[in-house]
Structures are given as C-alpha cells and as structure tokens.
Protein backbone atom coordinates (compact mmCIF):
# COMPACT_ATOMS: atom_id res chain seq x y z
CA MET A 1 -5.19 -29.09 -80.75
CA LEU A 2 -8.66 -27.74 -80.39
CA ALA A 3 -9.65 -30.91 -78.59
CA ALA A 4 -6.71 -30.52 -76.21
CA SER A 5 -7.65 -26.90 -75.51
CA GLN A 6 -11.25 -27.88 -74.86
CA ALA A 7 -10.12 -30.70 -72.58
CA ALA A 8 -7.92 -28.33 -70.54
CA SER A 9 -10.78 -25.84 -70.27
CA THR A 10 -13.17 -28.55 -69.12
CA GLN A 11 -10.65 -29.79 -66.58
CA ARG A 12 -10.26 -26.26 -65.12
CA ARG A 13 -14.02 -25.93 -64.76
CA ASN A 14 -14.25 -29.28 -63.01
CA ARG A 15 -11.48 -28.28 -60.54
CA PRO A 16 -12.55 -24.95 -58.97
CA VAL A 17 -9.31 -23.47 -57.55
CA TYR A 18 -11.09 -20.24 -56.55
CA LEU A 19 -12.82 -22.17 -53.75
CA VAL A 20 -9.41 -23.02 -52.27
CA TYR A 21 -8.37 -19.35 -52.51
CA ILE A 22 -11.58 -18.22 -50.82
CA ALA A 23 -11.04 -20.79 -48.04
CA LEU A 24 -7.46 -19.55 -47.52
CA ILE A 25 -8.61 -15.92 -47.36
CA LEU A 26 -11.33 -16.81 -44.83
CA LEU A 27 -8.80 -18.76 -42.75
CA THR A 28 -6.41 -15.78 -42.76
CA PHE A 29 -9.14 -13.37 -41.68
CA SER A 30 -10.31 -15.71 -38.92
CA LEU A 31 -6.73 -16.05 -37.60
CA VAL A 32 -6.30 -12.26 -37.55
CA TRP A 33 -9.65 -11.88 -35.79
CA ALA A 34 -8.72 -14.56 -33.22
CA MET A 35 -5.38 -12.88 -32.45
CA SER A 36 -6.98 -9.45 -32.03
CA SER A 37 -9.69 -10.97 -29.82
CA PHE A 38 -7.07 -12.64 -27.64
CA GLY A 39 -5.22 -9.30 -27.29
CA ALA A 40 -8.46 -7.57 -26.29
CA TYR A 41 -9.14 -10.37 -23.78
CA ARG A 42 -5.69 -9.97 -22.19
CA LYS A 43 -6.13 -6.20 -21.92
CA ALA A 44 -9.60 -6.61 -20.38
CA ARG A 45 -8.22 -9.18 -17.92
CA GLN A 46 -5.42 -6.82 -16.87
CA THR A 47 -7.95 -4.04 -16.33
CA LEU A 48 -10.14 -6.38 -14.28
CA ASP A 49 -7.19 -7.49 -12.13
CA LYS A 50 -6.22 -3.85 -11.49
CA GLN A 51 -9.79 -2.97 -10.55
CA LEU A 52 -9.97 -5.96 -8.19
CA ASP A 53 -6.73 -4.82 -6.53
CA ASP A 54 -8.10 -1.28 -6.22
CA ALA A 55 -11.34 -2.61 -4.73
CA GLN A 56 -9.38 -4.63 -2.15
CA THR A 57 -7.32 -1.55 -1.25
CA ILE A 58 -10.52 0.47 -0.82
CA ARG A 59 -11.99 -2.28 1.38
CA ASP A 60 -8.84 -2.34 3.52
CA ASN A 61 -8.87 1.44 3.85
CA ALA A 62 -12.55 1.44 4.77
CA ILE A 63 -11.89 -1.13 7.49
CA ALA A 64 -8.97 0.96 8.79
CA VAL A 65 -11.16 4.08 8.89
CA GLN A 66 -13.89 2.18 10.73
CA VAL A 67 -11.38 0.88 13.27
CA LEU A 68 -10.09 4.42 13.84
CA ARG A 69 -13.65 5.73 14.23
CA ASP A 70 -14.45 2.97 16.70
CA LYS A 71 -11.35 3.80 18.73
CA THR A 72 -12.11 7.52 18.85
CA SER A 73 -15.78 6.98 19.60
CA ALA A 74 -14.98 4.60 22.48
CA ASP A 75 -13.37 7.42 24.50
CA PRO A 76 -13.42 10.66 22.51
CA GLU A 77 -12.21 12.85 25.37
CA ARG A 78 -9.08 10.88 26.16
CA LYS A 79 -6.16 12.72 24.58
CA LEU A 80 -2.50 11.93 24.44
CA ARG A 81 -1.51 15.23 26.02
CA ASP A 82 -3.92 14.65 28.93
CA GLN A 83 -2.29 11.35 29.82
CA ASP A 84 1.31 12.60 29.49
CA PRO A 85 2.79 11.12 32.72
CA GLN A 86 1.13 7.76 32.14
CA PHE A 87 2.03 7.90 28.46
CA ARG A 88 5.74 8.50 29.12
CA GLY A 89 5.82 5.58 31.53
CA ARG A 90 4.17 3.30 28.99
CA LEU A 91 6.68 4.40 26.32
CA ARG A 92 9.56 3.65 28.71
CA ALA A 93 8.00 0.24 29.51
CA ALA A 94 7.77 -0.46 25.77
CA ALA A 95 11.47 0.39 25.47
CA VAL A 96 12.39 -1.98 28.31
CA ASN A 97 10.18 -4.73 26.86
CA SER A 98 11.98 -4.30 23.54
CA GLY A 99 15.36 -4.96 25.13
CA LEU A 100 16.52 -1.39 25.73
CA ASN A 101 17.77 0.13 28.94
CA GLU A 102 15.34 2.69 30.43
CA VAL A 103 18.19 5.20 30.77
CA GLU A 104 19.07 4.87 27.07
CA ALA A 105 15.56 5.75 25.89
CA GLY A 106 14.94 9.46 25.44
CA ILE A 107 11.32 10.59 25.03
CA ALA A 108 10.17 14.10 24.20
CA ILE A 109 6.54 15.13 23.67
CA SER A 110 6.01 18.44 21.93
CA PRO A 111 3.18 20.78 22.88
CA PRO A 112 0.16 20.44 20.60
CA GLN A 113 0.17 22.46 17.40
CA GLU A 114 -3.25 23.61 16.30
CA HIS A 115 -4.24 23.23 12.65
CA ARG A 116 -7.26 25.48 12.26
CA ASN A 117 -8.14 24.40 8.74
CA LEU A 118 -8.28 20.76 9.88
CA GLY A 119 -9.90 21.43 13.25
CA SER A 120 -7.32 19.26 14.98
CA LEU A 121 -4.23 19.31 17.13
CA LEU A 122 -0.96 17.65 16.21
CA VAL A 123 1.13 16.17 19.01
CA ARG A 124 4.63 14.99 18.12
CA VAL A 125 6.47 12.37 20.14
CA THR A 126 10.23 12.09 19.59
CA LEU A 127 12.01 8.88 20.51
CA GLU A 128 15.82 8.97 20.71
CA CYS A 129 18.24 6.26 21.68
CA ARG A 130 21.79 4.94 21.21
CA HIS A 131 22.22 1.19 21.32
CA ASP A 132 24.68 -1.51 20.30
CA THR A 133 22.27 -3.37 18.02
CA LEU A 134 19.51 -2.25 15.71
CA PRO A 135 16.74 -4.87 16.30
CA PRO A 136 15.72 -3.61 19.79
CA LEU A 137 15.42 -0.07 18.42
CA LEU A 138 13.14 -1.17 15.61
CA ALA A 139 11.17 -3.38 18.02
CA TRP A 140 10.64 -0.33 20.26
CA LEU A 141 9.31 1.69 17.31
CA GLU A 142 7.00 -1.13 16.26
CA ARG A 143 5.78 -1.62 19.84
CA CYS A 144 5.00 2.10 20.15
CA VAL A 145 2.87 2.08 17.00
CA VAL A 146 1.07 -1.15 17.92
CA GLU A 147 0.47 -0.47 21.63
CA PHE A 148 -0.58 3.18 21.28
CA PRO A 149 -3.52 3.56 18.89
CA GLY A 150 -3.43 6.85 17.05
CA LEU A 151 0.36 7.12 16.92
CA GLU A 152 1.73 7.19 13.39
CA VAL A 153 5.35 7.16 12.27
CA TYR A 154 6.27 10.55 10.81
CA SER A 155 10.02 10.06 10.31
CA VAL A 156 12.81 7.69 11.24
CA GLU A 157 16.51 8.50 11.26
CA ILE A 158 19.07 5.75 11.85
CA ARG A 159 22.81 6.48 11.74
CA PRO A 160 25.62 4.09 12.59
CA ASP A 161 28.49 5.28 14.79
CA ALA A 162 31.72 3.45 15.40
CA GLN A 163 30.26 1.42 18.28
CA LYS A 164 26.52 2.17 18.44
CA TRP A 165 23.45 3.00 16.40
CA ASN A 166 21.91 6.47 16.72
CA PHE A 167 18.15 6.20 16.43
CA LYS A 168 15.61 9.01 16.24
CA ALA A 169 11.94 8.55 15.39
CA VAL A 170 9.20 11.13 15.30
CA LEU A 171 5.63 9.92 15.84
CA ASN A 172 2.46 11.94 15.24
CA SER A 173 -0.85 11.84 17.03
CA TRP A 174 -3.83 13.80 15.70
CA GLU A 175 -6.43 14.89 18.21
CA LYS A 176 -9.67 16.83 17.97
CA ALA A 177 -9.26 20.50 18.77
CA PRO A 178 -11.27 21.76 21.71
CA PRO A 179 -14.42 23.63 20.68
CA ARG A 180 -14.23 27.40 20.63
C-alpha cells in the first residue's frame, strides 16, 4: 500500500494540474480585459463621432455667418424699409411665380422696432393668403426666404377651412440701427 501511495504521489508531481488552473485564470482575466477594452473603444468612438458632427455644425455655421457678413458688407446701407415699394412688388411677383393670384396675396410690412441693447432694428413682414391648395403657399414662403437675403421665418400659421387654406407667415429682417 505504501508503494501505491508513493506511486500516486509521484504521478501527481509528474502531472502539474496547477499549471492548467493558472492558464484558465489568465485566460479569464484576458477575456475580461478584452471586453472592457472593447467597451471603452465603443464609448470613445461614439464621443469622436459626436465631436465630428459638432465640428461639421460649427463649420456650417461659420460659413453661414461669413455669407451673411459678405451680403451686408456688399451694400451695408441698403435696408428693407428703404426699398419698401420695390420690395412689395418683388414679394407680389414671388407670389405670382409660386402659382398664387396677386389679389390673393396680402403683404404687410411693420414699421421698424428698435432694439437698443442689440443696436439693430427689427422689421416684420406679414404674408397672408387664402388658397385652394397648400403647395403654392409653401412655395411662396420658400421663394421669399430664398430670393430676399436677410429675411428669416419667424412664424407660420396654416389653418384649413371648408374650401380653402388660410395661410399666415411672419418674416423677420434685422437691420443695423442708424448711428446716434
């Protein structure tokens, strides 16, 4: 029996099981490390994508600001309120080109409101119309914004009636205040 015990002991020493356990523990730790590294990579990639989107937005905004500066520097004294008769005619022409009847298109231009803290004047243009279909009304609004640099859409109100669409849009134009 002593010989059998010694033989079993010798066999255990010749077959080191602890090396297998150490290898399994190392494999487990490396898998955990790989999964955490992949999670950190995904998070870093999401952050990078967001920053690239933000950078593109900033580039687009910078281009828009430069375009606006170029437009105002080209003719800084030309103001919407100074060209009112010509401006109304161009708005009516835009309405006709959009498929509306000139009589249907109502245009009101408010007197400038001074904003002292901004050093600018706000001119509001109100477009009102009733029409059978909606696409010409929206085309008129789009044409006004595209053809008249400096006009921005402030609000749009569209209500359906039994037979026609009631359309009202308010456009803003910011101008430099005259020096005091």
